[in-house]
Amino acid sequence: MYRNAEKGHVVAKWTINALALTFFILVIGSYLDFIFFKKFTIQPLIFILCMCTYAAALTLRFCSIATLNKFRSYNIELRRNQKIIKEGPYSYIRNPIYLSMLIEAFVIPMATSSIFFLFFAIVVYIPLIFVRLRIEEKTLLRLLGHEYYEYMKFVPSLIPFFK
């Protein structure tokens, strides 16, 4: 939890543990798959594009975390003083951190030419992201009501300018 943040009621704590474990498997597995099995050679242009995309995703994530400030938490939390963040990346999409996670899920195995771990990302990691996203949005809707519903109507979930 972010320092200076009020503690809230945690919802679906298992999701952060599941995401952390599967992300660890995705990163380490992609690396080990490349080191030990080298079925494909890494194409320099694809590797550079993947790393630039990864850097952009990390930038999006860090900007999103900075924008959340005291409302940042690894968990989905219900807080008494919760408000809708509409600044920074949150003025374009409701879930920029999840978007950065989705981008990372594709570019890490692609950068190492790991077909198996790209499949792992698609079948395991990405569905977990969508499960957590859905739980978080339902939680915010329950907590913030009509105000969050209106925000949902005007700000897309993951893809800017695409409702």
N, C-alpha and C. Protein backbone atom coordinates (compact mmCIF):
# COMPACT_ATOMS: atom_id res chain seq x y z
N MET A 1 0.83 -1.17 0.00
CA MET A 1 0.00 0.00 0.00
C MET A 1 0.88 1.24 0.00
N TYR A 2 0.42 2.30 -0.62
CA TYR A 2 1.15 3.56 -0.70
C TYR A 2 1.23 4.17 0.68
N ARG A 3 2.40 4.70 1.02
CA ARG A 3 2.50 5.34 2.33
C ARG A 3 1.56 6.53 2.40
N ASN A 4 1.13 6.87 3.56
CA ASN A 4 0.15 7.93 3.83
C ASN A 4 -1.26 7.57 3.37
N ALA A 5 -1.47 6.39 2.86
CA ALA A 5 -2.80 6.01 2.40
C ALA A 5 -3.59 5.42 3.56
N GLU A 6 -4.86 5.75 3.58
CA GLU A 6 -5.75 5.17 4.56
C GLU A 6 -5.97 3.70 4.20
N LYS A 7 -5.93 2.84 5.18
CA LYS A 7 -6.19 1.43 4.91
C LYS A 7 -7.68 1.26 4.63
N GLY A 8 -7.94 0.37 3.69
CA GLY A 8 -9.33 0.11 3.33
C GLY A 8 -9.64 -1.36 3.46
N HIS A 9 -10.87 -1.70 3.16
CA HIS A 9 -11.30 -3.09 3.17
C HIS A 9 -10.84 -3.74 1.86
N VAL A 10 -10.02 -4.78 1.97
CA VAL A 10 -9.44 -5.45 0.80
C VAL A 10 -10.44 -6.44 0.21
N VAL A 11 -10.58 -6.39 -1.11
CA VAL A 11 -11.48 -7.27 -1.85
C VAL A 11 -10.63 -8.14 -2.78
N ALA A 12 -10.91 -9.43 -2.82
CA ALA A 12 -10.25 -10.37 -3.75
C ALA A 12 -8.73 -10.29 -3.68
N LYS A 13 -8.18 -10.43 -2.48
CA LYS A 13 -6.74 -10.35 -2.29
C LYS A 13 -5.99 -11.41 -3.11
N TRP A 14 -6.63 -12.51 -3.39
CA TRP A 14 -5.98 -13.59 -4.14
C TRP A 14 -5.52 -13.13 -5.52
N THR A 15 -6.18 -12.08 -6.07
CA THR A 15 -5.84 -11.68 -7.44
C THR A 15 -4.43 -11.13 -7.55
N ILE A 16 -3.98 -10.37 -6.56
CA ILE A 16 -2.63 -9.81 -6.65
C ILE A 16 -1.59 -10.92 -6.54
N ASN A 17 -1.86 -11.91 -5.69
CA ASN A 17 -0.93 -13.04 -5.55
C ASN A 17 -0.88 -13.86 -6.84
N ALA A 18 -2.03 -14.10 -7.44
CA ALA A 18 -2.09 -14.87 -8.68
C ALA A 18 -1.38 -14.13 -9.81
N LEU A 19 -1.62 -12.82 -9.91
CA LEU A 19 -0.96 -12.04 -10.95
C LEU A 19 0.55 -11.98 -10.76
N ALA A 20 0.99 -11.79 -9.52
CA ALA A 20 2.43 -11.73 -9.26
C ALA A 20 3.10 -13.05 -9.61
N LEU A 21 2.50 -14.16 -9.21
CA LEU A 21 3.07 -15.48 -9.50
C LEU A 21 3.11 -15.74 -11.00
N THR A 22 2.02 -15.48 -11.70
CA THR A 22 2.00 -15.75 -13.14
C THR A 22 2.91 -14.80 -13.91
N PHE A 23 3.06 -13.56 -13.45
CA PHE A 23 3.98 -12.64 -14.12
C PHE A 23 5.42 -13.11 -13.92
N PHE A 24 5.73 -13.56 -12.72
CA PHE A 24 7.07 -14.12 -12.44
C PHE A 24 7.34 -15.31 -13.36
N ILE A 25 6.38 -16.20 -13.47
CA ILE A 25 6.54 -17.37 -14.36
C ILE A 25 6.71 -16.91 -15.81
N LEU A 26 5.94 -15.93 -16.22
CA LEU A 26 6.02 -15.41 -17.59
C LEU A 26 7.41 -14.84 -17.89
N VAL A 27 7.93 -14.01 -17.01
CA VAL A 27 9.22 -13.35 -17.24
C VAL A 27 10.36 -14.35 -17.17
N ILE A 28 10.44 -15.10 -16.08
CA ILE A 28 11.53 -16.06 -15.91
C ILE A 28 11.44 -17.17 -16.95
N GLY A 29 10.24 -17.64 -17.20
CA GLY A 29 10.04 -18.70 -18.20
C GLY A 29 10.45 -18.27 -19.59
N SER A 30 10.07 -17.04 -19.98
CA SER A 30 10.46 -16.53 -21.30
C SER A 30 11.97 -16.46 -21.43
N TYR A 31 12.61 -15.98 -20.39
CA TYR A 31 14.07 -15.86 -20.39
C TYR A 31 14.73 -17.25 -20.47
N LEU A 32 14.30 -18.16 -19.61
CA LEU A 32 14.89 -19.50 -19.59
C LEU A 32 14.60 -20.26 -20.88
N ASP A 33 13.40 -20.06 -21.42
CA ASP A 33 13.06 -20.69 -22.70
C ASP A 33 14.03 -20.26 -23.79
N PHE A 34 14.34 -18.98 -23.81
CA PHE A 34 15.29 -18.49 -24.81
C PHE A 34 16.70 -19.02 -24.54
N ILE A 35 17.14 -18.97 -23.29
CA ILE A 35 18.51 -19.37 -22.95
C ILE A 35 18.74 -20.85 -23.22
N PHE A 36 17.81 -21.70 -22.81
CA PHE A 36 18.05 -23.14 -22.88
C PHE A 36 17.52 -23.83 -24.14
N PHE A 37 16.50 -23.27 -24.75
CA PHE A 37 15.89 -23.98 -25.88
C PHE A 37 16.13 -23.31 -27.23
N LYS A 38 16.26 -22.03 -27.27
CA LYS A 38 16.61 -21.28 -28.49
C LYS A 38 16.03 -21.88 -29.77
N LYS A 39 14.73 -22.12 -29.76
CA LYS A 39 14.09 -22.66 -30.96
C LYS A 39 14.12 -21.65 -32.10
N PHE A 40 14.05 -20.39 -31.75
CA PHE A 40 14.04 -19.32 -32.73
C PHE A 40 15.16 -18.35 -32.38
N THR A 41 15.69 -17.71 -33.37
CA THR A 41 16.67 -16.66 -33.08
C THR A 41 15.91 -15.36 -32.90
N ILE A 42 16.41 -14.54 -32.03
CA ILE A 42 15.78 -13.25 -31.80
C ILE A 42 16.13 -12.34 -32.97
N GLN A 43 15.12 -11.79 -33.57
CA GLN A 43 15.32 -10.84 -34.65
C GLN A 43 15.59 -9.47 -34.01
N PRO A 44 16.72 -8.84 -34.33
CA PRO A 44 17.09 -7.58 -33.67
C PRO A 44 16.01 -6.50 -33.76
N LEU A 45 15.39 -6.35 -34.91
CA LEU A 45 14.37 -5.31 -35.06
C LEU A 45 13.16 -5.60 -34.17
N ILE A 46 12.72 -6.85 -34.13
CA ILE A 46 11.58 -7.22 -33.28
C ILE A 46 11.95 -7.01 -31.80
N PHE A 47 13.16 -7.40 -31.43
CA PHE A 47 13.62 -7.22 -30.05
C PHE A 47 13.61 -5.74 -29.67
N ILE A 48 14.14 -4.89 -30.54
CA ILE A 48 14.18 -3.45 -30.25
C ILE A 48 12.76 -2.88 -30.15
N LEU A 49 11.89 -3.27 -31.07
CA LEU A 49 10.50 -2.80 -31.01
C LEU A 49 9.81 -3.26 -29.72
N CYS A 50 10.06 -4.49 -29.33
CA CYS A 50 9.46 -5.02 -28.09
C CYS A 50 9.99 -4.26 -26.87
N MET A 51 11.28 -3.98 -26.84
CA MET A 51 11.85 -3.28 -25.69
C MET A 51 11.37 -1.83 -25.63
N CYS A 52 11.20 -1.18 -26.79
CA CYS A 52 10.65 0.18 -26.81
C CYS A 52 9.20 0.18 -26.34
N THR A 53 8.44 -0.81 -26.78
CA THR A 53 7.05 -0.94 -26.35
C THR A 53 6.98 -1.23 -24.86
N TYR A 54 7.88 -2.07 -24.37
CA TYR A 54 7.94 -2.37 -22.94
C TYR A 54 8.27 -1.11 -22.14
N ALA A 55 9.21 -0.31 -22.63
CA ALA A 55 9.56 0.94 -21.96
C ALA A 55 8.36 1.89 -21.93
N ALA A 56 7.60 1.94 -23.01
CA ALA A 56 6.40 2.77 -23.04
C ALA A 56 5.36 2.27 -22.04
N ALA A 57 5.21 0.95 -21.94
CA ALA A 57 4.26 0.37 -20.98
C ALA A 57 4.68 0.69 -19.54
N LEU A 58 5.97 0.59 -19.26
CA LEU A 58 6.45 0.92 -17.91
C LEU A 58 6.24 2.40 -17.60
N THR A 59 6.46 3.26 -18.60
CA THR A 59 6.22 4.69 -18.42
C THR A 59 4.76 4.95 -18.10
N LEU A 60 3.87 4.30 -18.84
CA LEU A 60 2.44 4.43 -18.58
C LEU A 60 2.12 3.97 -17.16
N ARG A 61 2.70 2.86 -16.75
CA ARG A 61 2.43 2.34 -15.41
C ARG A 61 2.91 3.31 -14.33
N PHE A 62 4.13 3.82 -14.47
CA PHE A 62 4.67 4.73 -13.45
C PHE A 62 3.90 6.05 -13.41
N CYS A 63 3.49 6.57 -14.57
CA CYS A 63 2.67 7.79 -14.60
C CYS A 63 1.32 7.54 -13.93
N SER A 64 0.76 6.38 -14.17
CA SER A 64 -0.53 6.02 -13.56
C SER A 64 -0.41 5.90 -12.05
N ILE A 65 0.65 5.28 -11.58
CA ILE A 65 0.88 5.14 -10.14
C ILE A 65 1.06 6.51 -9.50
N ALA A 66 1.84 7.37 -10.16
CA ALA A 66 2.05 8.72 -9.63
C ALA A 66 0.74 9.50 -9.57
N THR A 67 -0.11 9.31 -10.56
CA THR A 67 -1.40 10.01 -10.60
C THR A 67 -2.32 9.53 -9.48
N LEU A 68 -2.28 8.23 -9.19
CA LEU A 68 -3.13 7.70 -8.12
C LEU A 68 -2.73 8.24 -6.75
N ASN A 69 -1.44 8.51 -6.57
CA ASN A 69 -0.91 9.06 -5.34
C ASN A 69 -1.35 8.23 -4.13
N LYS A 70 -2.07 8.81 -3.19
CA LYS A 70 -2.42 8.09 -1.96
C LYS A 70 -3.47 7.00 -2.16
N PHE A 71 -4.10 6.94 -3.32
CA PHE A 71 -5.09 5.91 -3.58
C PHE A 71 -4.47 4.67 -4.21
N ARG A 72 -3.17 4.68 -4.42
CA ARG A 72 -2.47 3.53 -5.02
C ARG A 72 -2.42 2.40 -4.01
N SER A 73 -2.72 1.20 -4.49
CA SER A 73 -2.65 0.01 -3.66
C SER A 73 -2.45 -1.19 -4.56
N TYR A 74 -1.73 -2.18 -4.06
CA TYR A 74 -1.59 -3.42 -4.81
C TYR A 74 -2.89 -4.21 -4.80
N ASN A 75 -3.67 -3.98 -3.76
CA ASN A 75 -4.93 -4.69 -3.59
C ASN A 75 -6.09 -3.84 -4.10
N ILE A 76 -7.21 -4.49 -4.28
CA ILE A 76 -8.45 -3.77 -4.55
C ILE A 76 -9.01 -3.43 -3.18
N GLU A 77 -9.12 -2.13 -2.88
CA GLU A 77 -9.54 -1.71 -1.54
C GLU A 77 -10.73 -0.78 -1.60
N LEU A 78 -11.60 -0.93 -0.63
CA LEU A 78 -12.72 -0.02 -0.44
C LEU A 78 -12.30 0.97 0.65
N ARG A 79 -12.27 2.26 0.31
CA ARG A 79 -11.88 3.28 1.28
C ARG A 79 -12.99 4.30 1.44
N ARG A 80 -13.12 4.80 2.63
CA ARG A 80 -14.18 5.79 2.91
C ARG A 80 -14.02 7.05 2.06
N ASN A 81 -12.82 7.51 1.89
CA ASN A 81 -12.59 8.77 1.18
C ASN A 81 -12.24 8.57 -0.30
N GLN A 82 -12.58 7.43 -0.83
CA GLN A 82 -12.25 7.12 -2.23
C GLN A 82 -12.89 8.12 -3.18
N LYS A 83 -12.13 8.54 -4.18
CA LYS A 83 -12.66 9.41 -5.21
C LYS A 83 -12.22 8.89 -6.56
N ILE A 84 -12.89 9.36 -7.60
CA ILE A 84 -12.53 8.96 -8.96
C ILE A 84 -11.36 9.82 -9.42
N ILE A 85 -10.31 9.18 -9.88
CA ILE A 85 -9.16 9.89 -10.42
C ILE A 85 -9.43 10.11 -11.91
N LYS A 86 -9.45 11.37 -12.32
CA LYS A 86 -9.75 11.71 -13.71
C LYS A 86 -8.62 12.48 -14.37
N GLU A 87 -7.47 12.54 -13.72
CA GLU A 87 -6.34 13.27 -14.25
C GLU A 87 -5.34 12.32 -14.91
N GLY A 88 -4.40 12.88 -15.63
CA GLY A 88 -3.33 12.10 -16.24
C GLY A 88 -3.87 11.03 -17.17
N PRO A 89 -3.28 9.84 -17.11
CA PRO A 89 -3.73 8.75 -17.99
C PRO A 89 -5.19 8.39 -17.76
N TYR A 90 -5.71 8.66 -16.55
CA TYR A 90 -7.08 8.31 -16.21
C TYR A 90 -8.10 9.22 -16.90
N SER A 91 -7.64 10.26 -17.56
CA SER A 91 -8.56 11.09 -18.35
C SER A 91 -8.80 10.48 -19.73
N TYR A 92 -7.94 9.53 -20.12
CA TYR A 92 -8.07 8.86 -21.43
C TYR A 92 -8.62 7.45 -21.31
N ILE A 93 -8.18 6.72 -20.27
CA ILE A 93 -8.67 5.35 -20.03
C ILE A 93 -8.83 5.14 -18.53
N ARG A 94 -9.76 4.26 -18.17
CA ARG A 94 -10.03 4.01 -16.75
C ARG A 94 -8.99 3.10 -16.11
N ASN A 95 -8.33 2.28 -16.91
CA ASN A 95 -7.44 1.25 -16.36
C ASN A 95 -6.06 1.24 -17.02
N PRO A 96 -5.30 2.34 -16.90
CA PRO A 96 -4.00 2.38 -17.57
C PRO A 96 -2.98 1.37 -17.03
N ILE A 97 -3.05 1.05 -15.76
CA ILE A 97 -2.11 0.06 -15.21
C ILE A 97 -2.38 -1.31 -15.81
N TYR A 98 -3.65 -1.67 -15.95
CA TYR A 98 -3.98 -2.96 -16.58
C TYR A 98 -3.58 -2.97 -18.05
N LEU A 99 -3.72 -1.84 -18.73
CA LEU A 99 -3.27 -1.77 -20.12
C LEU A 99 -1.76 -2.01 -20.20
N SER A 100 -1.01 -1.40 -19.30
CA SER A 100 0.45 -1.63 -19.31
C SER A 100 0.78 -3.09 -19.03
N MET A 101 0.02 -3.73 -18.16
CA MET A 101 0.24 -5.15 -17.88
C MET A 101 -0.05 -6.01 -19.10
N LEU A 102 -1.12 -5.67 -19.83
CA LEU A 102 -1.45 -6.42 -21.05
C LEU A 102 -0.35 -6.27 -22.10
N ILE A 103 0.16 -5.08 -22.25
CA ILE A 103 1.25 -4.85 -23.21
C ILE A 103 2.47 -5.67 -22.82
N GLU A 104 2.83 -5.62 -21.55
CA GLU A 104 3.98 -6.39 -21.06
C GLU A 104 3.79 -7.88 -21.31
N ALA A 105 2.57 -8.36 -21.14
CA ALA A 105 2.29 -9.79 -21.32
C ALA A 105 2.59 -10.25 -22.74
N PHE A 106 2.44 -9.36 -23.69
CA PHE A 106 2.75 -9.72 -25.08
C PHE A 106 4.22 -9.50 -25.43
N VAL A 107 4.78 -8.38 -25.02
CA VAL A 107 6.12 -8.05 -25.51
C VAL A 107 7.23 -8.84 -24.85
N ILE A 108 7.06 -9.28 -23.61
CA ILE A 108 8.13 -10.05 -22.96
C ILE A 108 8.38 -11.37 -23.69
N PRO A 109 7.37 -12.21 -23.90
CA PRO A 109 7.65 -13.44 -24.64
C PRO A 109 8.00 -13.20 -26.12
N MET A 110 7.45 -12.14 -26.70
CA MET A 110 7.79 -11.85 -28.10
C MET A 110 9.26 -11.43 -28.23
N ALA A 111 9.75 -10.67 -27.26
CA ALA A 111 11.15 -10.22 -27.31
C ALA A 111 12.12 -11.39 -27.24
N THR A 112 11.73 -12.44 -26.53
CA THR A 112 12.61 -13.61 -26.39
C THR A 112 12.21 -14.74 -27.34
N SER A 113 11.27 -14.47 -28.22
CA SER A 113 10.78 -15.47 -29.20
C SER A 113 10.27 -16.74 -28.52
N SER A 114 9.59 -16.55 -27.41
CA SER A 114 9.08 -17.69 -26.65
C SER A 114 7.61 -17.91 -26.96
N ILE A 115 7.34 -18.80 -27.89
CA ILE A 115 5.97 -19.11 -28.29
C ILE A 115 5.19 -19.73 -27.12
N PHE A 116 5.83 -20.62 -26.38
CA PHE A 116 5.16 -21.29 -25.27
C PHE A 116 4.69 -20.27 -24.23
N PHE A 117 5.55 -19.31 -23.87
CA PHE A 117 5.16 -18.35 -22.84
C PHE A 117 4.26 -17.25 -23.38
N LEU A 118 4.25 -17.03 -24.68
CA LEU A 118 3.23 -16.17 -25.26
C LEU A 118 1.86 -16.84 -25.11
N PHE A 119 1.82 -18.14 -25.38
CA PHE A 119 0.60 -18.92 -25.19
C PHE A 119 0.20 -18.90 -23.70
N PHE A 120 1.16 -19.06 -22.80
CA PHE A 120 0.90 -18.99 -21.36
C PHE A 120 0.28 -17.65 -20.98
N ALA A 121 0.83 -16.58 -21.53
CA ALA A 121 0.29 -15.24 -21.26
C ALA A 121 -1.15 -15.13 -21.71
N ILE A 122 -1.44 -15.63 -22.91
CA ILE A 122 -2.78 -15.53 -23.48
C ILE A 122 -3.79 -16.39 -22.72
N VAL A 123 -3.37 -17.56 -22.28
CA VAL A 123 -4.29 -18.50 -21.64
C VAL A 123 -4.42 -18.30 -20.13
N VAL A 124 -3.34 -17.84 -19.47
CA VAL A 124 -3.37 -17.75 -18.00
C VAL A 124 -3.31 -16.30 -17.50
N TYR A 125 -2.27 -15.59 -17.87
CA TYR A 125 -2.01 -14.26 -17.30
C TYR A 125 -3.05 -13.23 -17.73
N ILE A 126 -3.32 -13.14 -19.01
CA ILE A 126 -4.26 -12.13 -19.50
C ILE A 126 -5.68 -12.35 -18.97
N PRO A 127 -6.19 -13.58 -18.94
CA PRO A 127 -7.51 -13.76 -18.31
C PRO A 127 -7.54 -13.34 -16.84
N LEU A 128 -6.44 -13.55 -16.10
CA LEU A 128 -6.38 -13.08 -14.71
C LEU A 128 -6.47 -11.56 -14.63
N ILE A 129 -5.82 -10.88 -15.56
CA ILE A 129 -5.90 -9.42 -15.59
C ILE A 129 -7.36 -8.99 -15.78
N PHE A 130 -8.06 -9.64 -16.71
CA PHE A 130 -9.46 -9.27 -16.96
C PHE A 130 -10.37 -9.62 -15.80
N VAL A 131 -10.09 -10.71 -15.10
CA VAL A 131 -10.87 -11.06 -13.90
C VAL A 131 -10.70 -9.97 -12.84
N ARG A 132 -9.46 -9.58 -12.61
CA ARG A 132 -9.19 -8.55 -11.60
C ARG A 132 -9.80 -7.20 -12.02
N LEU A 133 -9.67 -6.86 -13.28
CA LEU A 133 -10.24 -5.61 -13.77
C LEU A 133 -11.75 -5.58 -13.52
N ARG A 134 -12.40 -6.67 -13.82
CA ARG A 134 -13.86 -6.74 -13.63
C ARG A 134 -14.24 -6.62 -12.15
N ILE A 135 -13.49 -7.30 -11.28
CA ILE A 135 -13.76 -7.20 -9.84
C ILE A 135 -13.55 -5.77 -9.37
N GLU A 136 -12.47 -5.13 -9.83
CA GLU A 136 -12.18 -3.76 -9.41
C GLU A 136 -13.25 -2.79 -9.89
N GLU A 137 -13.70 -2.94 -11.13
CA GLU A 137 -14.72 -2.03 -11.65
C GLU A 137 -16.05 -2.23 -10.92
N LYS A 138 -16.41 -3.47 -10.63
CA LYS A 138 -17.65 -3.72 -9.87
C LYS A 138 -17.54 -3.12 -8.47
N THR A 139 -16.37 -3.24 -7.87
CA THR A 139 -16.14 -2.69 -6.53
C THR A 139 -16.27 -1.17 -6.55
N LEU A 140 -15.65 -0.52 -7.53
CA LEU A 140 -15.74 0.93 -7.63
C LEU A 140 -17.16 1.39 -7.93
N LEU A 141 -17.85 0.65 -8.75
CA LEU A 141 -19.24 0.97 -9.07
C LEU A 141 -20.12 0.88 -7.81
N ARG A 142 -19.87 -0.16 -7.02
CA ARG A 142 -20.63 -0.34 -5.78
C ARG A 142 -20.31 0.78 -4.78
N LEU A 143 -19.04 1.17 -4.71
CA LEU A 143 -18.61 2.19 -3.74
C LEU A 143 -18.99 3.60 -4.18
N LEU A 144 -18.79 3.91 -5.45
CA LEU A 144 -18.95 5.29 -5.92
C LEU A 144 -20.24 5.54 -6.68
N GLY A 145 -20.96 4.46 -7.01
CA GLY A 145 -22.28 4.57 -7.59
C GLY A 145 -22.37 5.31 -8.91
N HIS A 146 -23.36 6.21 -8.98
CA HIS A 146 -23.69 6.91 -10.23
C HIS A 146 -22.50 7.70 -10.79
N GLU A 147 -21.71 8.28 -9.91
CA GLU A 147 -20.56 9.07 -10.37
C GLU A 147 -19.59 8.20 -11.17
N TYR A 148 -19.34 6.98 -10.70
CA TYR A 148 -18.44 6.09 -11.44
C TYR A 148 -19.11 5.57 -12.71
N TYR A 149 -20.40 5.36 -12.65
CA TYR A 149 -21.14 4.92 -13.83
C TYR A 149 -21.02 5.98 -14.95
N GLU A 150 -21.15 7.24 -14.58
CA GLU A 150 -21.00 8.32 -15.56
C GLU A 150 -19.58 8.36 -16.12
N TYR A 151 -18.60 8.17 -15.28
CA TYR A 151 -17.19 8.12 -15.71
C TYR A 151 -16.99 6.97 -16.70
N MET A 152 -17.62 5.83 -16.42
CA MET A 152 -17.52 4.67 -17.31
C MET A 152 -18.14 4.96 -18.68
N LYS A 153 -19.19 5.76 -18.71
CA LYS A 153 -19.85 6.07 -19.98
C LYS A 153 -18.97 6.93 -20.89
N PHE A 154 -18.13 7.78 -20.32
CA PHE A 154 -17.36 8.73 -21.11
C PHE A 154 -15.88 8.37 -21.28
N VAL A 155 -15.37 7.51 -20.42
CA VAL A 155 -13.95 7.16 -20.50
C VAL A 155 -13.84 5.66 -20.74
N PRO A 156 -13.20 5.26 -21.86
CA PRO A 156 -13.09 3.82 -22.17
C PRO A 156 -12.23 3.08 -21.15
N SER A 157 -12.44 1.78 -21.08
CA SER A 157 -11.73 0.95 -20.10
C SER A 157 -10.24 0.81 -20.40
N LEU A 158 -9.89 0.36 -21.60
CA LEU A 158 -8.49 0.04 -21.90
C LEU A 158 -7.91 0.71 -23.14
N ILE A 159 -8.73 0.99 -24.12
CA ILE A 159 -8.22 1.53 -25.38
C ILE A 159 -8.67 2.97 -25.53
N PRO A 160 -7.73 3.92 -25.53
CA PRO A 160 -8.13 5.33 -25.63
C PRO A 160 -8.95 5.61 -26.89
N PHE A 161 -9.91 6.48 -26.76
CA PHE A 161 -10.76 6.95 -27.85
C PHE A 161 -11.61 5.83 -28.48
N PHE A 162 -11.73 4.67 -27.81
CA PHE A 162 -12.52 3.56 -28.34
C PHE A 162 -13.47 3.10 -27.25
N LYS A 163 -14.73 3.48 -27.39
CA LYS A 163 -15.70 3.13 -26.34
C LYS A 163 -16.46 1.89 -26.71
